[in-house]
Protein backbone atom coordinates (compact mmCIF):
# COMPACT_ATOMS: atom_id res chain seq x y z
CA MET A 1 17.65 237.45 175.71
CA LYS A 2 16.16 239.15 172.50
CA LYS A 3 14.63 242.47 172.62
CA PRO A 4 10.70 242.43 171.72
CA LYS A 5 10.02 244.36 169.10
CA LEU A 6 7.55 247.79 169.58
CA PHE A 7 6.18 249.96 166.86
CA ILE A 8 5.41 253.70 167.74
CA SER A 9 2.88 254.95 165.50
CA ARG A 10 3.88 258.53 166.25
CA ALA A 11 6.35 260.33 168.14
CA LEU A 12 6.12 260.64 171.44
CA PHE A 13 8.87 262.32 174.16
CA ASP A 14 12.75 261.86 173.71
CA ASP A 15 12.88 260.58 177.15
CA ILE A 16 9.87 258.20 176.79
CA HIS A 17 11.61 256.62 173.57
CA SER A 18 14.90 256.30 175.52
CA LYS A 19 13.23 254.22 178.57
CA LEU A 20 11.46 252.21 175.84
CA ALA A 21 14.47 251.42 174.09
CA GLU A 22 16.33 250.03 177.35
CA SER A 23 13.72 246.73 176.94
CA PHE A 24 12.24 246.92 173.59
CA GLU A 25 13.90 247.20 170.13
CA VAL A 26 11.76 250.50 168.94
CA GLU A 27 10.58 251.68 165.92
CA VAL A 28 8.83 255.19 165.39
CA TRP A 29 6.90 256.35 162.96
CA ASP A 30 8.75 259.96 162.13
CA ARG A 31 6.02 261.46 160.14
CA TYR A 32 3.60 263.94 161.37
CA GLN A 33 0.71 262.07 159.89
CA ALA A 34 -0.64 258.80 160.82
CA PRO A 35 0.88 255.66 159.02
CA PRO A 36 -1.39 254.39 156.57
CA ARG A 37 -3.44 251.03 157.38
CA GLU A 38 -1.03 249.30 155.50
CA VAL A 39 1.59 250.10 157.31
CA ILE A 40 -0.28 249.47 160.69
CA ALA A 41 -1.50 245.81 159.56
CA SER A 42 2.22 245.15 158.49
CA LYS A 43 3.63 246.04 161.64
CA ALA A 44 1.13 243.92 163.40
CA LYS A 45 2.49 240.87 161.79
CA ASP A 46 6.13 242.16 162.54
CA VAL A 47 6.13 243.36 165.85
CA ASP A 48 5.39 242.28 169.47
CA ALA A 49 4.03 245.18 170.82
CA LEU A 50 2.17 248.21 169.56
CA ILE A 51 1.92 252.10 170.60
CA THR A 52 -1.57 253.28 169.03
CA LEU A 53 -3.66 256.47 168.97
CA LEU A 54 -7.55 256.81 168.26
CA SER A 55 -6.47 257.41 164.52
CA ASP A 56 -5.20 254.29 164.18
CA ARG A 57 -7.65 251.86 163.15
CA ILE A 58 -7.22 248.79 164.50
CA ASP A 59 -9.81 246.14 163.19
CA CYS A 60 -10.10 242.39 162.72
CA GLU A 61 -8.42 242.15 159.64
CA VAL A 62 -5.67 243.69 161.07
CA LEU A 63 -5.44 241.77 163.95
CA THR A 64 -5.89 238.10 162.37
CA GLY A 65 -3.03 236.17 162.16
CA ALA A 66 -1.12 239.03 163.77
CA ARG A 67 2.30 238.61 166.17
CA VAL A 68 1.46 241.60 168.23
CA ARG A 69 0.46 240.53 171.65
CA ILE A 70 -0.22 244.26 173.09
CA ILE A 71 -1.75 247.27 171.90
CA ALA A 72 -0.64 250.06 174.30
CA GLN A 73 -3.18 252.86 173.40
CA TYR A 74 -2.13 256.47 173.85
CA ALA A 75 -5.54 257.50 174.52
CA VAL A 76 -8.68 256.94 177.22
CA GLY A 77 -10.82 255.66 174.28
CA PHE A 78 -10.20 252.72 172.64
CA ASP A 79 -13.16 252.59 170.15
CA ASN A 80 -10.52 252.52 167.11
CA VAL A 81 -9.70 249.12 168.29
CA ASP A 82 -11.99 245.97 167.53
CA LEU A 83 -11.66 244.98 171.41
CA ASN A 84 -13.56 241.57 170.71
CA CYS A 85 -11.29 240.73 168.37
CA ALA A 86 -8.34 241.42 169.83
CA THR A 87 -9.24 239.23 172.67
CA LYS A 88 -10.29 236.29 170.89
CA HIS A 89 -6.51 236.61 169.36
CA GLY A 90 -5.32 236.68 173.19
CA ILE A 91 -3.99 240.16 172.32
CA TYR A 92 -3.83 242.60 175.46
CA VAL A 93 -5.34 246.13 175.05
CA THR A 94 -4.41 249.02 177.19
CA ASN A 95 -5.74 252.65 177.77
CA THR A 96 -4.37 256.05 179.53
CA PRO A 97 -7.48 256.71 181.92
CA ASP A 98 -7.39 259.54 185.17
CA VAL A 99 -3.97 261.31 183.67
CA LEU A 100 -5.79 263.42 181.18
CA THR A 101 -8.80 264.00 183.55
CA GLU A 102 -7.85 267.26 184.65
CA ALA A 103 -6.69 268.64 181.69
CA THR A 104 -9.97 267.53 179.84
CA ALA A 105 -12.36 268.95 182.14
CA GLU A 106 -10.49 272.14 182.49
CA PHE A 107 -10.81 272.39 178.62
CA THR A 108 -14.06 271.45 178.34
CA TRP A 109 -14.60 274.36 180.89
CA ALA A 110 -12.81 276.40 178.68
CA LEU A 111 -15.32 275.98 175.44
CA ILE A 112 -18.20 276.13 177.77
CA LEU A 113 -16.99 279.98 179.00
CA SER A 114 -15.94 280.66 175.46
CA VAL A 115 -19.21 280.30 173.96
CA ALA A 116 -21.28 281.62 176.81
CA ARG A 117 -19.22 284.62 177.02
CA ARG A 118 -18.71 284.73 173.71
CA ILE A 119 -14.93 285.00 173.76
CA THR A 120 -13.84 283.78 170.79
CA GLU A 121 -16.40 285.98 168.61
CA GLY A 122 -15.31 288.74 170.77
CA ASP A 123 -11.62 288.39 169.68
CA HIS A 124 -12.58 288.21 166.19
CA PHE A 125 -14.41 291.31 166.36
CA VAL A 126 -11.48 293.09 167.91
CA ARG A 127 -9.04 291.11 165.92
CA PHE A 128 -10.37 291.75 162.20
CA GLY A 129 -11.58 295.43 162.79
CA GLU A 130 -15.28 295.37 163.45
CA TRP A 131 -15.43 297.04 166.66
CA TYR A 132 -13.12 299.61 165.29
CA ARG A 133 -15.32 299.92 162.49
CA THR A 134 -18.35 300.54 164.53
CA SER A 135 -16.71 303.71 165.85
CA THR A 136 -18.21 302.83 169.35
CA GLY A 137 -16.20 301.64 172.09
CA TRP A 138 -18.70 300.49 174.63
CA HIS A 139 -22.55 299.84 174.03
CA PRO A 140 -24.87 297.99 176.67
CA THR A 141 -26.14 295.47 174.18
CA MET A 142 -22.42 294.45 172.67
CA LEU A 143 -21.68 290.88 172.60
CA MET A 144 -24.06 290.05 175.54
CA GLY A 145 -23.34 286.62 176.79
CA MET A 146 -24.73 284.16 179.46
CA GLU A 147 -24.15 284.17 183.18
CA LEU A 148 -23.67 280.67 184.39
CA LYS A 149 -24.33 281.09 188.17
CA GLY A 150 -27.77 279.51 189.20
CA LYS A 151 -27.88 278.06 185.65
CA VAL A 152 -28.47 274.22 185.00
CA LEU A 153 -25.40 272.13 183.72
CA GLY A 154 -26.09 268.71 182.45
CA VAL A 155 -23.25 266.23 182.41
CA VAL A 156 -24.13 263.58 180.33
CA GLY A 157 -21.59 260.77 181.13
CA LEU A 158 -20.41 260.77 185.30
CA GLY A 159 -17.23 259.18 184.63
CA ARG A 160 -13.48 260.38 185.69
CA ILE A 161 -13.99 263.21 183.45
CA GLY A 162 -17.90 263.94 183.93
CA LYS A 163 -17.22 264.08 187.60
CA ARG A 164 -14.81 266.62 187.55
CA VAL A 165 -16.67 268.99 184.92
CA ALA A 166 -19.41 268.61 187.21
CA GLU A 167 -17.32 269.55 190.44
CA ILE A 168 -16.45 272.75 188.40
CA GLY A 169 -19.89 273.54 187.61
CA LYS A 170 -20.58 273.11 191.31
CA ALA A 171 -18.01 275.57 192.51
CA LEU A 172 -19.48 278.04 189.80
CA GLY A 173 -22.76 278.45 191.63
CA MET A 174 -24.36 275.61 189.21
CA LYS A 175 -27.13 273.73 189.51
CA VAL A 176 -25.58 270.21 188.23
CA ILE A 177 -27.92 267.08 187.11
CA TYR A 178 -26.37 264.29 185.25
CA LEU A 179 -26.99 260.99 183.18
CA SER A 180 -25.07 257.78 183.52
CA ARG A 181 -25.37 254.08 183.36
CA LYS A 182 -25.84 253.89 187.10
CA LYS A 183 -26.79 256.21 189.78
CA HIS A 184 -23.35 257.57 191.73
CA GLU A 185 -24.24 258.10 195.47
CA GLU A 186 -21.45 260.04 196.17
CA ALA A 187 -22.16 262.86 193.14
CA GLU A 188 -26.18 262.41 194.78
CA GLU A 189 -24.71 263.28 198.61
CA VAL A 190 -23.47 267.04 197.25
CA GLY A 191 -26.40 267.81 195.08
CA ILE A 192 -25.57 266.40 191.87
CA LYS A 193 -28.56 264.63 190.99
CA TYR A 194 -29.35 262.15 188.03
CA THR A 195 -32.06 262.89 185.72
CA PRO A 196 -33.48 261.08 182.60
CA PHE A 197 -31.92 261.82 179.46
CA ASP A 198 -35.31 263.76 178.00
CA TYR A 199 -35.26 265.79 181.04
CA LEU A 200 -31.76 266.84 181.43
CA LEU A 201 -31.66 267.79 177.85
CA LYS A 202 -35.07 270.13 178.18
CA THR A 203 -33.77 271.30 181.92
CA SER A 204 -30.24 272.26 181.23
CA ASP A 205 -28.76 275.65 180.02
CA VAL A 206 -25.56 274.01 179.15
CA VAL A 207 -25.37 270.25 178.19
CA SER A 208 -21.84 268.48 178.05
CA LEU A 209 -21.35 265.36 176.61
CA ASN A 210 -18.37 263.23 178.34
CA LEU A 211 -19.46 259.53 177.07
CA PRO A 212 -17.28 257.15 174.98
CA LEU A 213 -18.57 255.93 171.97
CA SER A 214 -20.35 252.86 171.72
CA ASN A 215 -23.53 251.57 169.69
CA GLU A 216 -25.64 252.74 172.09
CA THR A 217 -24.07 256.37 172.44
CA ARG A 218 -23.63 256.65 168.90
CA HIS A 219 -25.21 259.98 167.84
CA ILE A 220 -27.41 260.05 171.27
CA ILE A 221 -27.64 263.98 170.00
CA ASN A 222 -29.41 263.87 166.81
CA ALA A 223 -32.22 265.75 165.09
CA ASP A 224 -34.81 264.55 167.83
CA THR A 225 -32.67 265.21 170.88
CA LEU A 226 -31.95 268.68 169.99
CA LYS A 227 -35.33 269.91 169.25
CA LEU A 228 -35.99 269.02 173.14
CA MET A 229 -33.19 271.63 174.23
CA LYS A 230 -34.06 274.99 175.11
CA ARG A 231 -33.24 277.39 172.58
CA SER A 232 -30.97 279.78 174.90
CA ALA A 233 -28.73 276.26 175.54
CA ILE A 234 -25.08 275.35 175.15
CA LEU A 235 -23.92 272.11 173.89
CA VAL A 236 -20.49 271.10 174.17
CA ASN A 237 -18.44 268.21 173.48
CA THR A 238 -15.25 266.56 174.53
CA GLY A 239 -16.44 263.01 174.40
CA ARG A 240 -16.09 261.61 171.06
CA GLY A 241 -17.34 263.17 167.53
CA ALA A 242 -19.88 260.36 166.80
CA LEU A 243 -22.15 261.12 169.99
CA ILE A 244 -24.07 263.85 167.57
CA ASP A 245 -25.03 263.72 164.48
CA THR A 246 -23.29 266.48 162.49
CA ASP A 247 -25.81 267.18 160.01
CA ALA A 248 -28.67 267.40 162.30
CA LEU A 249 -26.43 269.95 164.55
CA VAL A 250 -25.81 272.13 161.49
CA GLU A 251 -29.36 272.52 160.57
CA ALA A 252 -30.07 273.00 164.51
CA LEU A 253 -27.91 275.82 164.25
CA ARG A 254 -29.30 277.13 160.86
CA GLU A 255 -32.67 276.92 162.46
CA GLY A 256 -31.62 278.51 165.70
CA LEU A 257 -32.83 275.74 167.83
CA ILE A 258 -29.85 276.12 170.35
CA ALA A 259 -27.71 279.12 171.33
CA GLY A 260 -24.20 277.94 170.98
CA VAL A 261 -21.85 274.97 170.53
CA GLY A 262 -18.19 274.04 171.73
CA LEU A 263 -16.64 271.48 169.87
CA ASP A 264 -13.21 269.80 170.50
CA VAL A 265 -14.16 266.43 168.59
CA TYR A 266 -15.76 265.74 165.51
CA GLU A 267 -17.13 262.69 163.18
CA GLN A 268 -14.53 263.45 160.70
CA GLU A 269 -10.86 264.39 161.78
CA PRO A 270 -9.17 266.98 160.70
CA LEU A 271 -12.42 268.91 160.07
CA PRO A 272 -12.33 269.81 156.56
CA GLU A 273 -11.75 273.45 155.72
CA ASN A 274 -14.93 275.57 154.85
CA HIS A 275 -17.19 272.94 156.88
CA PRO A 276 -20.63 274.02 157.57
CA LEU A 277 -19.69 274.31 161.10
CA THR A 278 -17.06 276.90 160.55
CA ALA A 279 -19.84 279.56 159.13
CA PHE A 280 -21.60 280.03 162.77
CA LYS A 281 -20.07 282.94 165.02
CA ASN A 282 -21.72 280.59 168.00
CA VAL A 283 -19.67 277.85 167.56
CA VAL A 284 -16.31 277.40 169.22
CA LEU A 285 -14.23 274.83 167.22
CA ALA A 286 -10.74 273.22 168.71
CA PRO A 287 -8.68 270.47 166.95
CA HIS A 288 -9.04 267.76 169.49
CA ALA A 289 -6.91 269.44 171.87
CA ALA A 290 -8.73 268.87 175.37
CA SER A 291 -5.59 266.68 176.50
CA ALA A 292 -3.01 269.00 175.21
CA THR A 293 -0.93 270.02 178.06
CA TYR A 294 2.34 269.03 178.93
CA GLU A 295 1.31 267.18 182.42
CA SER A 296 -1.20 264.96 180.23
CA ARG A 297 0.23 263.88 177.10
CA HIS A 298 3.60 262.77 179.21
CA GLY A 299 1.71 261.33 181.81
CA MET A 300 -0.41 259.29 179.30
CA ALA A 301 3.31 258.36 177.92
CA GLU A 302 4.52 257.28 181.01
CA LEU A 303 1.49 255.22 181.98
CA VAL A 304 1.99 253.45 178.03
CA VAL A 305 5.31 252.79 179.31
CA GLU A 306 4.34 251.21 182.68
CA ASN A 307 1.70 249.00 180.76
CA LEU A 308 4.47 247.64 178.48
CA LEU A 309 6.85 247.12 181.16
CA ALA A 310 4.10 245.29 183.23
CA PHE A 311 3.28 242.97 180.49
CA LYS A 312 6.88 242.61 179.27
CA GLN A 313 7.59 241.01 183.19
CA GLY A 314 3.91 238.64 182.88
CA LYS A 315 2.42 240.77 185.04
CA VAL A 316 -1.15 241.92 184.42
CA PRO A 317 -0.74 245.56 182.74
CA PRO A 318 -2.10 248.29 185.01
CA THR A 319 -5.11 249.90 182.89
CA LEU A 320 -5.83 246.72 180.91
CA VAL A 321 -9.16 247.47 178.83
CA ASN A 322 -9.77 243.89 177.65
CA LYS A 323 -10.03 241.92 181.30
CA GLU A 324 -11.23 238.88 179.52
CA VAL A 325 -7.92 237.97 177.62
CA LEU A 326 -6.68 236.90 180.87
CA GLN A 327 -8.82 233.86 180.43
CA ILE A 328 -7.26 233.31 177.27
CA ARG A 329 -3.32 234.08 177.19
CA SER A 330 -0.86 234.90 180.08
CA PRO A 331 0.94 238.16 180.27
CA GLY A 332 4.26 238.61 178.81
CA PHE A 333 6.16 237.85 175.49
CA ASP A 334 7.73 234.61 176.67
CA GLY A 335 5.18 233.31 178.14
CA SER A 336 2.33 234.01 176.15
CA ARG A 337 1.12 230.95 176.01
CA TYR A 338 -2.90 230.12 176.08
CA LEU A 339 -4.03 229.23 179.70
CA LYS A 340 -5.83 226.60 181.17
CA ARG A 341 -9.34 227.31 182.22
CA PHE A 342 -8.11 226.80 186.32
CA GLU A 343 -5.12 228.73 185.33
CA ALA A 344 -7.36 231.72 183.70
CA ALA A 345 -9.66 231.76 186.40
CA ASP A 346 -7.23 232.26 189.40
CA LEU A 347 -5.41 235.03 187.11
CA LEU A 348 -8.62 236.74 186.76
CA ALA A 349 -9.74 236.65 189.97
CA HIS A 350 -6.07 238.05 190.93
CA TYR A 351 -6.68 240.88 188.81
CA LEU A 352 -10.14 241.75 190.20
CA CYS A 353 -9.09 242.00 193.72
């Protein structure tokens, strides 16, 4: 039987490519930069499966008339894919949750600590000779930062990553409050308290954004919400760039409305050189690197393989995002037929069990 065709929009790992080649006819985009939109659109009409990244925009124009049957997203987020359109066309969409939880939570704390203790600023102070030019080895007021024990951590979004960020905050002796779509009983039991958003912003010494991007969460941090925060507060974002209105953030930093910011994600990626954010000493900038550990990135690739092989075998992929697609088309490349109503109900019920 002929192997299904698979296009990978960025090189992953050699062992992953080899494993996929056992079951698929594999083509890998071999450039460091993302493939142009027209390439993605062309491949969607020529291959049976895609492995995509967040920077690959998969809109309805790409999906309409596409041959592709499954899009295996190499990321937790999937806001780059038009999920409703994919479902309508019977295209399965998967993601890679869980495997990057620890790496992202640890990186969130790396940003928090770097801003709170002015580590990046101190590095520049030494590296570029400013410390030497002061002619003083130590001074009582030099690079004073914030001690975190006893302070309030506000976690916005208590999913897998947000929960881990909260746990680390508790371990450091912080009081932790959170905002989420629902209350989490297990969090409440260990003293992590649900609060309204306004209260969280007004009370927190550190605000960590750990939300997916949606119409409801876009620019959740804006000119109005920034004014609610303490002037001594730190804002950190490892969720999605568009959770923050960048122009409003720049203005707030100019006015001194918050003490510091740590960012790993941006509304525009890569961030342009000489962007206004680069001018502030109290802003730590990272290049969307929160999941950048071997354990995390390779684990994500392994989960992509698991999803694709399950689909090929006619099984429901373990991290299927658009569960409604089960009511439209059965999994698999050979048996990718539209389902009768009673079959769809049975398949969906089996998955949800």
